[in-house]
C-alpha cells in the first residue's frame, strides 16, 4: 500500500500540531517551576522549536493546498480556528 503525498502531509501536519500543542502546554507549566537554572536550556529549546513549528505548519498547509488544487484545505480551516495561539512562545 502506497501513501499519497496528500496523506503524508495530512498525517505530518496533524502530528506537528500535536507536538506544538504539547510544547505550548509544557511551556505554560514551566512558569511554576522554582528551579530556574535547571530548566533554562530546556525551556529555551522548547520555545525555539515552538516558533519553528509556527513557521513550518503554515508552509505545509500551503503545500497541501497546492496538491489538492483548492484555495484552502477544509481540514486545516476548522483545526486552525480551534487550535489557539501556539505559535507564540510564552
C-alpha atoms as a PDB file:
ATOM      1  CA  UNK A   1       0.000   0.000   0.000  1.00  0.00           C
ATOM      2  CA  UNK A   2       1.454   3.324  -1.072  1.00  0.00           C
ATOM      3  CA  UNK A   3       0.814   6.515   0.826  1.00  0.00           C
ATOM      4  CA  UNK A   4      -0.095   9.520  -1.295  1.00  0.00           C
ATOM      5  CA  UNK A   5       1.625  12.877  -0.872  1.00  0.00           C
ATOM      6  CA  UNK A   6      -1.639  14.334   0.446  1.00  0.00           C
ATOM      7  CA  UNK A   7      -1.984  11.592   3.067  1.00  0.00           C
ATOM      8  CA  UNK A   8       1.629  12.077   4.133  1.00  0.00           C
ATOM      9  CA  UNK A   9       1.124  15.837   4.504  1.00  0.00           C
ATOM     10  CA  UNK A  10      -2.138  15.383   6.396  1.00  0.00           C
ATOM     11  CA  UNK A  11      -0.503  12.976   8.844  1.00  0.00           C
ATOM     12  CA  UNK A  12       2.608  15.103   9.246  1.00  0.00           C
ATOM     13  CA  UNK A  13       0.645  18.294   9.865  1.00  0.00           C
ATOM     14  CA  UNK A  14      -1.553  16.583  12.447  1.00  0.00           C
ATOM     15  CA  UNK A  15       1.492  15.230  14.278  1.00  0.00           C
ATOM     16  CA  UNK A  16       3.243  18.605  14.219  1.00  0.00           C
ATOM     17  CA  UNK A  17       0.103  20.291  15.566  1.00  0.00           C
ATOM     18  CA  UNK A  18       0.045  17.756  18.411  1.00  0.00           C
ATOM     19  CA  UNK A  19       3.706  18.408  19.169  1.00  0.00           C
ATOM     20  CA  UNK A  20       3.148  22.179  19.127  1.00  0.00           C
ATOM     21  CA  UNK A  21       0.183  21.874  21.488  1.00  0.00           C
ATOM     22  CA  UNK A  22       2.204  19.684  23.855  1.00  0.00           C
ATOM     23  CA  UNK A  23       5.143  22.095  23.870  1.00  0.00           C
ATOM     24  CA  UNK A  24       2.802  25.025  24.441  1.00  0.00           C
ATOM     25  CA  UNK A  25       1.289  23.231  27.426  1.00  0.00           C
ATOM     26  CA  UNK A  26       4.727  22.409  28.820  1.00  0.00           C
ATOM     27  CA  UNK A  27       5.897  25.990  28.445  1.00  0.00           C
ATOM     28  CA  UNK A  28       2.794  27.188  30.250  1.00  0.00           C
ATOM     29  CA  UNK A  29       3.573  24.873  33.161  1.00  0.00           C
ATOM     30  CA  UNK A  30       7.277  25.804  33.255  1.00  0.00           C
ATOM     31  CA  UNK A  31       6.415  29.170  34.818  1.00  0.00           C
ATOM     32  CA  UNK A  32       5.505  27.326  38.019  1.00  0.00           C
ATOM     33  CA  UNK A  33       8.978  25.769  38.346  1.00  0.00           C
ATOM     34  CA  UNK A  34      11.028  27.333  41.170  1.00  0.00           C
ATOM     35  CA  UNK A  35      14.364  25.896  39.945  1.00  0.00           C
ATOM     36  CA  UNK A  36      15.009  28.339  37.104  1.00  0.00           C
ATOM     37  CA  UNK A  37      18.612  27.409  36.259  1.00  0.00           C
ATOM     38  CA  UNK A  38      17.917  23.693  35.753  1.00  0.00           C
ATOM     39  CA  UNK A  39      15.234  24.232  33.141  1.00  0.00           C
ATOM     40  CA  UNK A  40      16.506  27.321  31.352  1.00  0.00           C
ATOM     41  CA  UNK A  41      18.146  25.489  28.453  1.00  0.00           C
ATOM     42  CA  UNK A  42      15.223  23.131  28.045  1.00  0.00           C
ATOM     43  CA  UNK A  43      12.697  25.970  28.110  1.00  0.00           C
ATOM     44  CA  UNK A  44      14.718  27.942  25.565  1.00  0.00           C
ATOM     45  CA  UNK A  45      14.923  24.913  23.290  1.00  0.00           C
ATOM     46  CA  UNK A  46      11.177  24.300  23.569  1.00  0.00           C
ATOM     47  CA  UNK A  47      10.473  27.937  22.725  1.00  0.00           C
ATOM     48  CA  UNK A  48      12.700  27.741  19.651  1.00  0.00           C
ATOM     49  CA  UNK A  49      11.035  24.536  18.490  1.00  0.00           C
ATOM     50  CA  UNK A  50       7.584  26.042  19.037  1.00  0.00           C
ATOM     51  CA  UNK A  51       8.440  29.125  16.989  1.00  0.00           C
ATOM     52  CA  UNK A  52       9.879  26.915  14.231  1.00  0.00           C
ATOM     53  CA  UNK A  53       6.724  24.800  14.195  1.00  0.00           C
ATOM     54  CA  UNK A  54       4.697  28.001  13.962  1.00  0.00           C
ATOM     55  CA  UNK A  55       6.530  28.794  10.725  1.00  0.00           C
ATOM     56  CA  UNK A  56       6.617  25.257   9.337  1.00  0.00           C
ATOM     57  CA  UNK A  57       2.979  24.231   9.755  1.00  0.00           C
ATOM     58  CA  UNK A  58       1.513  27.049   7.611  1.00  0.00           C
ATOM     59  CA  UNK A  59       4.039  26.224   4.863  1.00  0.00           C
ATOM     60  CA  UNK A  60       2.986  22.585   4.926  1.00  0.00           C
ATOM     61  CA  UNK A  61      -0.662  23.651   4.820  1.00  0.00           C
ATOM     62  CA  UNK A  62       0.072  25.786   1.758  1.00  0.00           C
ATOM     63  CA  UNK A  63       1.706  22.776   0.119  1.00  0.00           C
ATOM     64  CA  UNK A  64      -1.396  20.753   0.931  1.00  0.00           C
ATOM     65  CA  UNK A  65      -3.488  23.401  -0.788  1.00  0.00           C
ATOM     66  CA  UNK A  66      -1.346  23.220  -3.924  1.00  0.00           C
ATOM     67  CA  UNK A  67      -1.514  19.428  -4.030  1.00  0.00           C
ATOM     68  CA  UNK A  68      -5.261  19.365  -3.503  1.00  0.00           C
ATOM     69  CA  UNK A  69      -5.853  22.165  -6.007  1.00  0.00           C
ATOM     70  CA  UNK A  70      -8.041  24.017  -3.530  1.00  0.00           C
ATOM     71  CA  UNK A  71      -7.595  27.523  -2.222  1.00  0.00           C
ATOM     72  CA  UNK A  72      -7.646  26.110   1.333  1.00  0.00           C
ATOM     73  CA  UNK A  73      -7.819  22.670   2.906  1.00  0.00           C
ATOM     74  CA  UNK A  74     -11.033  22.265   4.894  1.00  0.00           C
ATOM     75  CA  UNK A  75      -9.214  20.044   7.394  1.00  0.00           C
ATOM     76  CA  UNK A  76      -6.948  22.919   8.411  1.00  0.00           C
ATOM     77  CA  UNK A  77      -9.513  25.708   8.255  1.00  0.00           C
ATOM     78  CA  UNK A  78     -11.509  24.060  11.025  1.00  0.00           C
ATOM     79  CA  UNK A  79      -8.483  22.958  13.065  1.00  0.00           C
ATOM     80  CA  UNK A  80      -6.766  26.338  12.957  1.00  0.00           C
ATOM     81  CA  UNK A  81      -9.831  28.067  14.327  1.00  0.00           C
ATOM     82  CA  UNK A  82      -9.805  25.741  17.361  1.00  0.00           C
ATOM     83  CA  UNK A  83      -6.082  25.415  17.957  1.00  0.00           C
ATOM     84  CA  UNK A  84      -5.380  28.626  19.832  1.00  0.00           C
ATOM     85  CA  UNK A  85      -2.215  30.674  19.518  1.00  0.00           C
ATOM     86  CA  UNK A  86       0.522  28.082  19.882  1.00  0.00           C
ATOM     87  CA  UNK A  87       2.884  29.961  17.546  1.00  0.00           C
ATOM     88  CA  UNK A  88       3.860  32.477  20.190  1.00  0.00           C
ATOM     89  CA  UNK A  89       6.232  31.122  22.798  1.00  0.00           C
ATOM     90  CA  UNK A  90       5.402  32.211  26.330  1.00  0.00           C
END
